[in-house]
PDB file of N, CA and C in Angstrom:
ATOM      1  N   MET A   1     139.733  98.351 143.636  1.00  0.00           N
ATOM      2  CA  MET A   1     139.804  99.732 144.095  1.00  0.00           C
ATOM      3  C   MET A   1     141.075  99.921 144.910  1.00  0.00           C
ATOM      4  N   SER A   2     141.833 100.941 144.592  1.00  0.00           N
ATOM      5  CA  SER A   2     143.089 101.181 145.305  1.00  0.00           C
ATOM      6  C   SER A   2     142.813 101.909 146.621  1.00  0.00           C
ATOM      7  N   PRO A   3     143.682 101.695 147.602  1.00  0.00           N
ATOM      8  CA  PRO A   3     143.474 102.363 148.885  1.00  0.00           C
ATOM      9  C   PRO A   3     143.599 103.878 148.735  1.00  0.00           C
ATOM     10  N   PRO A   4     142.931 104.628 149.604  1.00  0.00           N
ATOM     11  CA  PRO A   4     142.991 106.088 149.510  1.00  0.00           C
ATOM     12  C   PRO A   4     144.400 106.602 149.847  1.00  0.00           C
ATOM     13  N   LYS A   5     144.708 107.774 149.355  1.00  0.00           N
ATOM     14  CA  LYS A   5     145.989 108.417 149.642  1.00  0.00           C
ATOM     15  C   LYS A   5     145.916 109.237 150.926  1.00  0.00           C
ATOM     16  N   THR A   6     144.685 109.584 151.320  1.00  0.00           N
ATOM     17  CA  THR A   6     144.478 110.419 152.499  1.00  0.00           C
ATOM     18  C   THR A   6     143.414 109.793 153.391  1.00  0.00           C
ATOM     19  N   ILE A   7     143.659 109.834 154.704  1.00  0.00           N
ATOM     20  CA  ILE A   7     142.656 109.452 155.696  1.00  0.00           C
ATOM     21  C   ILE A   7     142.388 110.669 156.572  1.00  0.00           C
ATOM     22  N   TYR A   8     141.289 110.637 157.313  1.00  0.00           N
ATOM     23  CA  TYR A   8     140.836 111.843 158.012  1.00  0.00           C
ATOM     24  C   TYR A   8     140.544 111.570 159.480  1.00  0.00           C
ATOM     25  N   ARG A   9     140.761 112.624 160.263  1.00  0.00           N
ATOM     26  CA  ARG A   9     140.492 112.592 161.694  1.00  0.00           C
ATOM     27  C   ARG A   9     139.847 113.917 162.080  1.00  0.00           C
ATOM     28  N   LEU A  10     138.847 113.867 162.926  1.00  0.00           N
ATOM     29  CA  LEU A  10     138.247 115.068 163.486  1.00  0.00           C
ATOM     30  C   LEU A  10     138.902 115.334 164.836  1.00  0.00           C
ATOM     31  N   LEU A  11     139.343 116.561 165.027  1.00  0.00           N
ATOM     32  CA  LEU A  11     140.011 116.958 166.269  1.00  0.00           C
ATOM     33  C   LEU A  11     139.474 118.297 166.732  1.00  0.00           C
ATOM     34  N   THR A  12     139.500 118.493 168.032  1.00  0.00           N
ATOM     35  CA  THR A  12     139.213 119.834 168.544  1.00  0.00           C
ATOM     36  C   THR A  12     140.414 120.717 168.240  1.00  0.00           C
ATOM     37  N   GLU A  13     140.178 122.013 168.230  1.00  0.00           N
ATOM     38  CA  GLU A  13     141.283 122.941 167.980  1.00  0.00           C
ATOM     39  C   GLU A  13     142.360 122.795 169.056  1.00  0.00           C
ATOM     40  N   SER A  14     141.948 122.598 170.308  1.00  0.00           N
ATOM     41  CA  SER A  14     142.933 122.462 171.390  1.00  0.00           C
ATOM     42  C   SER A  14     143.746 121.173 171.233  1.00  0.00           C
ATOM     43  N   ALA A  15     143.123 120.082 170.823  1.00  0.00           N
ATOM     44  CA  ALA A  15     143.860 118.830 170.609  1.00  0.00           C
ATOM     45  C   ALA A  15     144.889 119.007 169.502  1.00  0.00           C
ATOM     46  N   TRP A  16     144.519 119.747 168.451  1.00  0.00           N
ATOM     47  CA  TRP A  16     145.459 119.989 167.358  1.00  0.00           C
ATOM     48  C   TRP A  16     146.611 120.889 167.820  1.00  0.00           C
ATOM     49  N   GLN A  17     146.315 121.916 168.584  1.00  0.00           N
ATOM     50  CA  GLN A  17     147.374 122.788 169.099  1.00  0.00           C
ATOM     51  C   GLN A  17     148.327 122.002 170.001  1.00  0.00           C
ATOM     52  N   ASN A  18     147.791 121.115 170.829  1.00  0.00           N
ATOM     53  CA  ASN A  18     148.636 120.263 171.675  1.00  0.00           C
ATOM     54  C   ASN A  18     149.502 119.335 170.832  1.00  0.00           C
ATOM     55  N   ALA A  19     148.930 118.801 169.765  1.00  0.00           N
ATOM     56  CA  ALA A  19     149.693 117.926 168.873  1.00  0.00           C
ATOM     57  C   ALA A  19     150.830 118.703 168.203  1.00  0.00           C
ATOM     58  N   LEU A  20     150.541 119.909 167.749  1.00  0.00           N
ATOM     59  CA  LEU A  20     151.590 120.727 167.130  1.00  0.00           C
ATOM     60  C   LEU A  20     152.724 120.993 168.112  1.00  0.00           C
ATOM     61  N   ALA A  21     152.372 121.312 169.350  1.00  0.00           N
ATOM     62  CA  ALA A  21     153.396 121.589 170.361  1.00  0.00           C
ATOM     63  C   ALA A  21     154.239 120.349 170.660  1.00  0.00           C
ATOM     64  N   ALA A  22     153.619 119.172 170.632  1.00  0.00           N
ATOM     65  CA  ALA A  22     154.314 117.922 170.944  1.00  0.00           C
ATOM     66  C   ALA A  22     154.974 117.286 169.721  1.00  0.00           C
ATOM     67  N   GLY A  23     154.549 117.718 168.527  1.00  0.00           N
ATOM     68  CA  GLY A  23     155.058 117.109 167.299  1.00  0.00           C
ATOM     69  C   GLY A  23     154.291 115.864 166.888  1.00  0.00           C
ATOM     70  N   ALA A  24     153.280 115.493 167.692  1.00  0.00           N
ATOM     71  CA  ALA A  24     152.486 114.299 167.376  1.00  0.00           C
ATOM     72  C   ALA A  24     151.173 114.346 168.131  1.00  0.00           C
ATOM     73  N   PHE A  25     150.163 113.700 167.539  1.00  0.00           N
ATOM     74  CA  PHE A  25     148.888 113.482 168.211  1.00  0.00           C
ATOM     75  C   PHE A  25     148.931 112.063 168.757  1.00  0.00           C
ATOM     76  N   HIS A  26     148.738 111.932 170.062  1.00  0.00           N
ATOM     77  CA  HIS A  26     148.851 110.633 170.710  1.00  0.00           C
ATOM     78  C   HIS A  26     147.504 109.953 170.896  1.00  0.00           C
ATOM     79  N   GLY A  27     146.435 110.584 170.440  1.00  0.00           N
ATOM     80  CA  GLY A  27     145.113 109.992 170.511  1.00  0.00           C
ATOM     81  C   GLY A  27     144.284 110.544 171.646  1.00  0.00           C
ATOM     82  N   SER A  28     143.003 110.274 171.556  1.00  0.00           N
ATOM     83  CA  SER A  28     142.042 110.695 172.576  1.00  0.00           C
ATOM     84  C   SER A  28     141.922 109.594 173.631  1.00  0.00           C
ATOM     85  N   GLU A  29     141.106 109.840 174.644  1.00  0.00           N
ATOM     86  CA  GLU A  29     140.832 108.798 175.645  1.00  0.00           C
ATOM     87  C   GLU A  29     140.208 107.571 174.971  1.00  0.00           C
ATOM     88  N   HIS A  30     139.319 107.825 174.021  1.00  0.00           N
ATOM     89  CA  HIS A  30     138.673 106.731 173.271  1.00  0.00           C
ATOM     90  C   HIS A  30     139.728 105.917 172.514  1.00  0.00           C
ATOM     91  N   ASP A  31     140.677 106.608 171.867  1.00  0.00           N
ATOM     92  CA  ASP A  31     141.741 105.914 171.149  1.00  0.00           C
ATOM     93  C   ASP A  31     142.585 105.073 172.109  1.00  0.00           C
ATOM     94  N   ALA A  32     142.958 105.663 173.243  1.00  0.00           N
ATOM     95  CA  ALA A  32     143.788 104.953 174.224  1.00  0.00           C
ATOM     96  C   ALA A  32     143.078 103.690 174.717  1.00  0.00           C
ATOM     97  N   ARG A  33     141.782 103.798 174.925  1.00  0.00           N
ATOM     98  CA  ARG A  33     141.001 102.642 175.380  1.00  0.00           C
ATOM     99  C   ARG A  33     141.016 101.527 174.326  1.00  0.00           C
ATOM    100  N   ASP A  34     140.945 101.908 173.054  1.00  0.00           N
ATOM    101  CA  ASP A  34     140.894 100.913 171.979  1.00  0.00           C
ATOM    102  C   ASP A  34     142.277 100.444 171.526  1.00  0.00           C
ATOM    103  N   GLY A  35     143.326 101.193 171.876  1.00  0.00           N
ATOM    104  CA  GLY A  35     144.685 100.785 171.524  1.00  0.00           C
ATOM    105  C   GLY A  35     145.160 101.259 170.166  1.00  0.00           C
ATOM    106  N   PHE A  36     144.420 102.157 169.542  1.00  0.00           N
ATOM    107  CA  PHE A  36     144.809 102.712 168.246  1.00  0.00           C
ATOM    108  C   PHE A  36     144.098 104.039 168.040  1.00  0.00           C
ATOM    109  N   ILE A  37     144.585 104.827 167.068  1.00  0.00           N
ATOM    110  CA  ILE A  37     143.939 106.094 166.726  1.00  0.00           C
ATOM    111  C   ILE A  37     142.963 105.826 165.589  1.00  0.00           C
ATOM    112  N   HIS A  38     141.724 106.233 165.791  1.00  0.00           N
ATOM    113  CA  HIS A  38     140.658 106.047 164.811  1.00  0.00           C
ATOM    114  C   HIS A  38     140.758 107.080 163.687  1.00  0.00           C
ATOM    115  N   PHE A  39     140.586 106.618 162.459  1.00  0.00           N
ATOM    116  CA  PHE A  39     140.516 107.487 161.292  1.00  0.00           C
ATOM    117  C   PHE A  39     139.333 107.064 160.438  1.00  0.00           C
ATOM    118  N   SER A  40     139.023 107.894 159.451  1.00  0.00           N
ATOM    119  CA  SER A  40     137.967 107.593 158.487  1.00  0.00           C
ATOM    120  C   SER A  40     138.487 107.886 157.091  1.00  0.00           C
ATOM    121  N   THR A  41     137.892 107.239 156.109  1.00  0.00           N
ATOM    122  CA  THR A  41     138.156 107.595 154.724  1.00  0.00           C
ATOM    123  C   THR A  41     137.255 108.773 154.353  1.00  0.00           C
ATOM    124  N   ALA A  42     137.462 109.323 153.166  1.00  0.00           N
ATOM    125  CA  ALA A  42     136.615 110.417 152.693  1.00  0.00           C
ATOM    126  C   ALA A  42     135.145 109.995 152.673  1.00  0.00           C
ATOM    127  N   ALA A  43     134.890 108.746 152.303  1.00  0.00           N
ATOM    128  CA  ALA A  43     133.512 108.251 152.229  1.00  0.00           C
ATOM    129  C   ALA A  43     132.900 108.006 153.604  1.00  0.00           C
ATOM    130  N   GLN A  44     133.724 107.856 154.635  1.00  0.00           N
ATOM    131  CA  GLN A  44     133.244 107.519 155.978  1.00  0.00           C
ATOM    132  C   GLN A  44     133.150 108.717 156.918  1.00  0.00           C
ATOM    133  N   VAL A  45     133.820 109.811 156.609  1.00  0.00           N
ATOM    134  CA  VAL A  45     133.980 110.896 157.577  1.00  0.00           C
ATOM    135  C   VAL A  45     132.656 111.581 157.929  1.00  0.00           C
ATOM    136  N   ALA A  46     131.729 111.703 156.996  1.00  0.00           N
ATOM    137  CA  ALA A  46     130.448 112.348 157.301  1.00  0.00           C
ATOM    138  C   ALA A  46     129.681 111.535 158.345  1.00  0.00           C
ATOM    139  N   GLU A  47     129.649 110.213 158.194  1.00  0.00           N
ATOM    140  CA  GLU A  47     128.953 109.373 159.172  1.00  0.00           C
ATOM    141  C   GLU A  47     129.666 109.416 160.522  1.00  0.00           C
ATOM    142  N   THR A  48     130.987 109.423 160.508  1.00  0.00           N
ATOM    143  CA  THR A  48     131.754 109.533 161.753  1.00  0.00           C
ATOM    144  C   THR A  48     131.423 110.838 162.467  1.00  0.00           C
ATOM    145  N   ALA A  49     131.380 111.932 161.726  1.00  0.00           N
ATOM    146  CA  ALA A  49     131.053 113.237 162.316  1.00  0.00           C
ATOM    147  C   ALA A  49     129.661 113.209 162.928  1.00  0.00           C
ATOM    148  N   ALA A  50     128.709 112.664 162.200  1.00  0.00           N
ATOM    149  CA  ALA A  50     127.327 112.620 162.685  1.00  0.00           C
ATOM    150  C   ALA A  50     127.189 111.707 163.903  1.00  0.00           C
ATOM    151  N   ARG A  51     127.860 110.589 163.896  1.00  0.00           N
ATOM    152  CA  ARG A  51     127.720 109.587 164.952  1.00  0.00           C
ATOM    153  C   ARG A  51     128.436 109.996 166.239  1.00  0.00           C
ATOM    154  N   HIS A  52     129.623 110.587 166.102  1.00  0.00           N
ATOM    155  CA  HIS A  52     130.459 110.829 167.282  1.00  0.00           C
ATOM    156  C   HIS A  52     130.648 112.298 167.659  1.00  0.00           C
ATOM    157  N   TYR A  53     130.310 113.217 166.742  1.00  0.00           N
ATOM    158  CA  TYR A  53     130.579 114.636 166.998  1.00  0.00           C
ATOM    159  C   TYR A  53     129.386 115.532 166.685  1.00  0.00           C
ATOM    160  N   SER A  54     128.208 114.993 166.620  1.00  0.00           N
ATOM    161  CA  SER A  54     127.020 115.749 166.251  1.00  0.00           C
ATOM    162  C   SER A  54     126.862 117.010 167.109  1.00  0.00           C
ATOM    163  N   GLY A  55     126.721 118.139 166.443  1.00  0.00           N
ATOM    164  CA  GLY A  55     126.487 119.411 167.117  1.00  0.00           C
ATOM    165  C   GLY A  55     127.701 120.010 167.795  1.00  0.00           C
ATOM    166  N   GLN A  56     128.843 119.360 167.716  1.00  0.00           N
ATOM    167  CA  GLN A  56     130.047 119.865 168.388  1.00  0.00           C
ATOM    168  C   GLN A  56     130.752 120.899 167.520  1.00  0.00           C
ATOM    169  N   ALA A  57     130.851 122.111 168.052  1.00  0.00           N
ATOM    170  CA  ALA A  57     131.525 123.200 167.342  1.00  0.00           C
ATOM    171  C   ALA A  57     133.021 123.171 167.642  1.00  0.00           C
ATOM    172  N   GLY A  58     133.778 123.926 166.861  1.00  0.00           N
ATOM    173  CA  GLY A  58     135.208 124.074 167.109  1.00  0.00           C
ATOM    174  C   GLY A  58     136.048 122.891 166.678  1.00  0.00           C
ATOM    175  N   LEU A  59     135.552 122.117 165.736  1.00  0.00           N
ATOM    176  CA  LEU A  59     136.317 120.966 165.256  1.00  0.00           C
ATOM    177  C   LEU A  59     137.125 121.312 164.019  1.00  0.00           C
ATOM    178  N   LEU A  60     138.184 120.551 163.841  1.00  0.00           N
ATOM    179  CA  LEU A  60     139.011 120.638 162.643  1.00  0.00           C
ATOM    180  C   LEU A  60     138.969 119.296 161.925  1.00  0.00           C
ATOM    181  N   LEU A  61     139.033 119.361 160.601  1.00  0.00           N
ATOM    182  CA  LEU A  61     139.176 118.165 159.788  1.00  0.00           C
ATOM    183  C   LEU A  61     140.653 118.073 159.416  1.00  0.00           C
ATOM    184  N   VAL A  62     141.287 116.999 159.848  1.00  0.00           N
ATOM    185  CA  VAL A  62     142.715 116.812 159.620  1.00  0.00           C
ATOM    186  C   VAL A  62     142.901 115.686 158.612  1.00  0.00           C
ATOM    187  N   GLY A  63     143.585 115.988 157.520  1.00  0.00           N
ATOM    188  CA  GLY A  63     143.899 114.987 156.502  1.00  0.00           C
ATOM    189  C   GLY A  63     145.313 114.480 156.701  1.00  0.00           C
ATOM    190  N   VAL A  64     145.487 113.180 156.571  1.00  0.00           N
ATOM    191  CA  VAL A  64     146.779 112.539 156.833  1.00  0.00           C
ATOM    192  C   VAL A  64     147.190 111.715 155.618  1.00  0.00           C
ATOM    193  N   SER A  65     148.447 111.854 155.222  1.00  0.00           N
ATOM    194  CA  SER A  65     149.000 111.073 154.125  1.00  0.00           C
ATOM    195  C   SER A  65     149.156 109.612 154.544  1.00  0.00           C
ATOM    196  N   VAL A  66     148.471 108.726 153.848  1.00  0.00           N
ATOM    197  CA  VAL A  66     148.572 107.297 154.140  1.00  0.00           C
ATOM    198  C   VAL A  66     150.013 106.823 153.965  1.00  0.00           C
ATOM    199  N   ALA A  67     150.703 107.330 152.957  1.00  0.00           N
ATOM    200  CA  ALA A  67     152.085 106.915 152.697  1.00  0.00           C
ATOM    201  C   ALA A  67     152.999 107.223 153.880  1.00  0.00           C
ATOM    202  N   ARG A  68     152.718 108.288 154.613  1.00  0.00           N
ATOM    203  CA  ARG A  68     153.591 108.691 155.725  1.00  0.00           C
ATOM    204  C   ARG A  68     153.319 107.927 157.015  1.00  0.00           C
ATOM    205  N   VAL A  69     152.225 107.175 157.088  1.00  0.00           N
ATOM    206  CA  VAL A  69     151.905 106.411 158.304  1.00  0.00           C
ATOM    207  C   VAL A  69     151.667 104.927 158.004  1.00  0.00           C
ATOM    208  N   SER A  70     151.947 104.498 156.792  1.00  0.00           N
ATOM    209  CA  SER A  70     151.552 103.154 156.353  1.00  0.00           C
ATOM    210  C   SER A  70     152.144 102.030 157.198  1.00  0.00           C
ATOM    211  N   ASP A  71     153.323 102.208 157.776  1.00  0.00           N
ATOM    212  CA  ASP A  71     153.931 101.128 158.568  1.00  0.00           C
ATOM    213  C   ASP A  71     153.099 100.764 159.792  1.00  0.00           C
ATOM    214  N   ALA A  72     152.370 101.729 160.350  1.00  0.00           N
ATOM    215  CA  ALA A  72     151.587 101.485 161.566  1.00  0.00           C
ATOM    216  C   ALA A  72     150.077 101.493 161.315  1.00  0.00           C
ATOM    217  N   LEU A  73     149.670 101.542 160.040  1.00  0.00           N
ATOM    218  CA  LEU A  73     148.256 101.639 159.684  1.00  0.00           C
ATOM    219  C   LEU A  73     147.697 100.260 159.348  1.00  0.00           C
ATOM    220  N   ARG A  74     146.533  99.969 159.925  1.00  0.00           N
ATOM    221  CA  ARG A  74     145.823  98.727 159.616  1.00  0.00           C
ATOM    222  C   ARG A  74     144.396  99.066 159.215  1.00  0.00           C
ATOM    223  N   TRP A  75     143.885  98.316 158.265  1.00  0.00           N
ATOM    224  CA  TRP A  75     142.496  98.473 157.819  1.00  0.00           C
ATOM    225  C   TRP A  75     141.702  97.352 158.458  1.00  0.00           C
ATOM    226  N   GLU A  76     140.785  97.731 159.360  1.00  0.00           N
ATOM    227  CA  GLU A  76     140.073  96.737 160.144  1.00  0.00           C
ATOM    228  C   GLU A  76     138.567  96.960 160.079  1.00  0.00           C
ATOM    229  N   PRO A  77     137.781  95.858 160.146  1.00  0.00           N
ATOM    230  CA  PRO A  77     136.331  95.989 160.082  1.00  0.00           C
ATOM    231  C   PRO A  77     135.769  96.702 161.304  1.00  0.00           C
ATOM    232  N   SER A  78     134.770  97.520 161.046  1.00  0.00           N
ATOM    233  CA  SER A  78     134.071  98.228 162.118  1.00  0.00           C
ATOM    234  C   SER A  78     132.603  98.248 161.753  1.00  0.00           C
ATOM    235  N   ARG A  79     131.980  99.442 161.776  1.00  0.00           N
ATOM    236  CA  ARG A  79     130.544  99.567 161.500  1.00  0.00           C
ATOM    237  C   ARG A  79     130.110  98.753 160.282  1.00  0.00           C
ATOM    238  N   GLY A  80     129.249  97.806 160.515  1.00  0.00           N
ATOM    239  CA  GLY A  80     128.683  97.042 159.407  1.00  0.00           C
ATOM    240  C   GLY A  80     129.708  96.290 158.587  1.00  0.00           C
ATOM    241  N   GLY A  81     130.889  96.047 159.147  1.00  0.00           N
ATOM    242  CA  GLY A  81     131.918  95.311 158.422  1.00  0.00           C
ATOM    243  C   GLY A  81     132.792  96.163 157.530  1.00  0.00           C
ATOM    244  N   ALA A  82     132.513  97.457 157.430  1.00  0.00           N
ATOM    245  CA  ALA A  82     133.343  98.343 156.600  1.00  0.00           C
ATOM    246  C   ALA A  82     134.749  98.423 157.182  1.00  0.00           C
ATOM    247  N   LEU A  83     135.745  98.505 156.316  1.00  0.00           N
ATOM    248  CA  LEU A  83     137.122  98.629 156.770  1.00  0.00           C
ATOM    249  C   LEU A  83     137.436 100.083 157.102  1.00  0.00           C
ATOM    250  N   PHE A  84     137.942 100.287 158.297  1.00  0.00           N
ATOM    251  CA  PHE A  84     138.332 101.624 158.752  1.00  0.00           C
ATOM    252  C   PHE A  84     139.832 101.646 158.999  1.00  0.00           C
ATOM    253  N   PRO A  85     140.479 102.792 158.748  1.00  0.00           N
ATOM    254  CA  PRO A  85     141.905 102.911 159.030  1.00  0.00           C
ATOM    255  C   PRO A  85     142.149 103.158 160.515  1.00  0.00           C
ATOM    256  N   HIS A  86     143.019 102.332 161.097  1.00  0.00           N
ATOM    257  CA  HIS A  86     143.393 102.446 162.501  1.00  0.00           C
ATOM    258  C   HIS A  86     144.909 102.564 162.578  1.00  0.00           C
ATOM    259  N   LEU A  87     145.391 103.575 163.288  1.00  0.00           N
ATOM    260  CA  LEU A  87     146.825 103.822 163.409  1.00  0.00           C
ATOM    261  C   LEU A  87     147.314 103.300 164.756  1.00  0.00           C
ATOM    262  N   TYR A  88     148.214 102.349 164.711  1.00  0.00           N
ATOM    263  CA  TYR A  88     148.782 101.749 165.921  1.00  0.00           C
ATOM    264  C   TYR A  88     150.102 102.422 166.278  1.00  0.00           C
ATOM    265  N   ALA A  89     150.065 103.728 166.371  1.00  0.00           N
ATOM    266  CA  ALA A  89     151.214 104.552 166.749  1.00  0.00           C
ATOM    267  C   ALA A  89     150.686 105.971 166.928  1.00  0.00           C
ATOM    268  N   SER A  90     151.519 106.837 167.445  1.00  0.00           N
ATOM    269  CA  SER A  90     151.152 108.254 167.484  1.00  0.00           C
ATOM    270  C   SER A  90     151.187 108.806 166.068  1.00  0.00           C
ATOM    271  N   LEU A  91     150.408 109.834 165.834  1.00  0.00           N
ATOM    272  CA  LEU A  91     150.362 110.481 164.526  1.00  0.00           C
ATOM    273  C   LEU A  91     151.349 111.644 164.503  1.00  0.00           C
ATOM    274  N   PRO A  92     152.434 111.535 163.752  1.00  0.00           N
ATOM    275  CA  PRO A  92     153.348 112.673 163.658  1.00  0.00           C
ATOM    276  C   PRO A  92     152.678 113.815 162.890  1.00  0.00           C
ATOM    277  N   THR A  93     152.810 115.011 163.390  1.00  0.00           N
ATOM    278  CA  THR A  93     152.178 116.144 162.702  1.00  0.00           C
ATOM    279  C   THR A  93     152.767 116.334 161.301  1.00  0.00           C
ATOM    280  N   SER A  94     153.947 115.812 161.052  1.00  0.00           N
ATOM    281  CA  SER A  94     154.555 115.911 159.721  1.00  0.00           C
ATOM    282  C   SER A  94     153.796 115.084 158.679  1.00  0.00           C
ATOM    283  N   ALA A  95     152.946 114.151 159.115  1.00  0.00           N
ATOM    284  CA  ALA A  95     152.148 113.342 158.190  1.00  0.00           C
ATOM    285  C   ALA A  95     150.845 114.034 157.796  1.00  0.00           C
ATOM    286  N   VAL A  96     150.536 115.145 158.459  1.00  0.00           N
ATOM    287  CA  VAL A  96     149.292 115.873 158.199  1.00  0.00           C
ATOM    288  C   VAL A  96     149.458 116.755 156.966  1.00  0.00           C
ATOM    289  N   THR A  97     148.527 116.619 156.031  1.00  0.00           N
ATOM    290  CA  THR A  97     148.595 117.368 154.781  1.00  0.00           C
ATOM    291  C   THR A  97     147.476 118.396 154.636  1.00  0.00           C
ATOM    292  N   LEU A  98     146.516 118.364 155.568  1.00  0.00           N
ATOM    293  CA  LEU A  98     145.347 119.230 155.459  1.00  0.00           C
ATOM    294  C   LEU A  98     144.785 119.480 156.849  1.00  0.00           C
ATOM    295  N   VAL A  99     144.499 120.739 157.151  1.00  0.00           N
ATOM    296  CA  VAL A  99     143.807 121.097 158.390  1.00  0.00           C
ATOM    297  C   VAL A  99     142.787 122.166 158.020  1.00  0.00           C
ATOM    298  N   LEU A 100     141.510 121.834 158.170  1.00  0.00           N
ATOM    299  CA  LEU A 100     140.433 122.763 157.811  1.00  0.00           C
ATOM    300  C   LEU A 100     139.438 122.878 158.952  1.00  0.00           C
ATOM    301  N   PRO A 101     138.898 124.076 159.178  1.00  0.00           N
ATOM    302  CA  PRO A 101     137.806 124.188 160.149  1.00  0.00           C
ATOM    303  C   PRO A 101     136.599 123.406 159.640  1.00  0.00           C
ATOM    304  N   LEU A 102     135.844 122.851 160.566  1.00  0.00           N
ATOM    305  CA  LEU A 102     134.662 122.067 160.215  1.00  0.00           C
ATOM    306  C   LEU A 102     133.431 122.756 160.802  1.00  0.00           C
ATOM    307  N   PRO A 103     132.867 123.693 160.044  1.00  0.00           N
ATOM    308  CA  PRO A 103     131.737 124.462 160.580  1.00  0.00           C
ATOM    309  C   PRO A 103     130.474 123.617 160.712  1.00  0.00           C
ATOM    310  N   LEU A 104     129.589 124.102 161.578  1.00  0.00           N
ATOM    311  CA  LEU A 104     128.286 123.471 161.740  1.00  0.00           C
ATOM    312  C   LEU A 104     127.282 124.146 160.828  1.00  0.00           C
ATOM    313  N   GLY A 105     126.468 123.334 160.192  1.00  0.00           N
ATOM    314  CA  GLY A 105     125.392 123.852 159.369  1.00  0.00           C
ATOM    315  C   GLY A 105     124.065 123.680 160.085  1.00  0.00           C
ATOM    316  N   GLU A 106     123.005 123.652 159.319  1.00  0.00           N
ATOM    317  CA  GLU A 106     121.662 123.513 159.873  1.00  0.00           C
ATOM    318  C   GLU A 106     121.527 122.216 160.668  1.00  0.00           C
ATOM    319  N   GLY A 107     120.863 122.304 161.790  1.00  0.00           N
ATOM    320  CA  GLY A 107     120.598 121.130 162.607  1.00  0.00           C
ATOM    321  C   GLY A 107     121.829 120.529 163.262  1.00  0.00           C
ATOM    322  N   GLY A 108     122.923 121.300 163.348  1.00  0.00           N
ATOM    323  CA  GLY A 108     124.127 120.791 163.993  1.00  0.00           C
ATOM    324  C   GLY A 108     124.911 119.800 163.161  1.00  0.00           C
ATOM    325  N   VAL A 109     124.648 119.775 161.855  1.00  0.00           N
ATOM    326  CA  VAL A 109     125.350 118.868 160.957  1.00  0.00           C
ATOM    327  C   VAL A 109     126.609 119.584 160.442  1.00  0.00           C
ATOM    328  N   HIS A 110     127.740 118.891 160.504  1.00  0.00           N
ATOM    329  CA  HIS A 110     128.989 119.492 160.043  1.00  0.00           C
ATOM    330  C   HIS A 110     128.990 119.634 158.527  1.00  0.00           C
ATOM    331  N   VAL A 111     129.544 120.736 158.071  1.00  0.00           N
ATOM    332  CA  VAL A 111     129.649 121.028 156.640  1.00  0.00           C
ATOM    333  C   VAL A 111     131.026 120.595 156.197  1.00  0.00           C
ATOM    334  N   LEU A 112     131.064 119.497 155.444  1.00  0.00           N
ATOM    335  CA  LEU A 112     132.335 118.935 154.987  1.00  0.00           C
ATOM    336  C   LEU A 112     132.720 119.484 153.623  1.00  0.00           C
ATOM    337  N   PRO A 113     134.006 119.701 153.400  1.00  0.00           N
ATOM    338  CA  PRO A 113     134.445 120.090 152.064  1.00  0.00           C
ATOM    339  C   PRO A 113     134.439 118.866 151.156  1.00  0.00           C
ATOM    340  N   ALA A 114     134.628 119.063 149.874  1.00  0.00           N
ATOM    341  CA  ALA A 114     134.775 117.940 148.944  1.00  0.00           C
ATOM    342  C   ALA A 114     136.104 117.260 149.276  1.00  0.00           C
ATOM    343  N   LEU A 115     136.077 115.942 149.403  1.00  0.00           N
ATOM    344  CA  LEU A 115     137.261 115.175 149.752  1.00  0.00           C
ATOM    345  C   LEU A 115     137.561 114.162 148.669  1.00  0.00           C
ATOM    346  N   GLU A 116     138.814 113.715 148.614  1.00  0.00           N
ATOM    347  CA  GLU A 116     139.208 112.722 147.599  1.00  0.00           C
ATOM    348  C   GLU A 116     138.491 111.414 147.789  1.00  0.00           C
TER     349      GLU A 116
END
């Protein structure tokens, strides 16, 4: 199986606006503590949303081109041994290829679009 072309990050609207103003997203407090920016694949993003952002409104789904961040991207084991993409650098906004609102559906579950 070939690696995905796009990885995903959930951000608040304010975090995204700050990233646009700075030209890069430097990560959350959680990212700073871990030493990298957390991302998910298309197959992982629903579980990430449920586990870490359940019921949180005002989120955006940000898609990032793997090719544009590959030098600082590592695939490392996390939940249950699954490999997750971790970025060991700031995320330049120029690497972002998709920004979509992530509405809440029934029971506070985020409604995700179809992803690659």
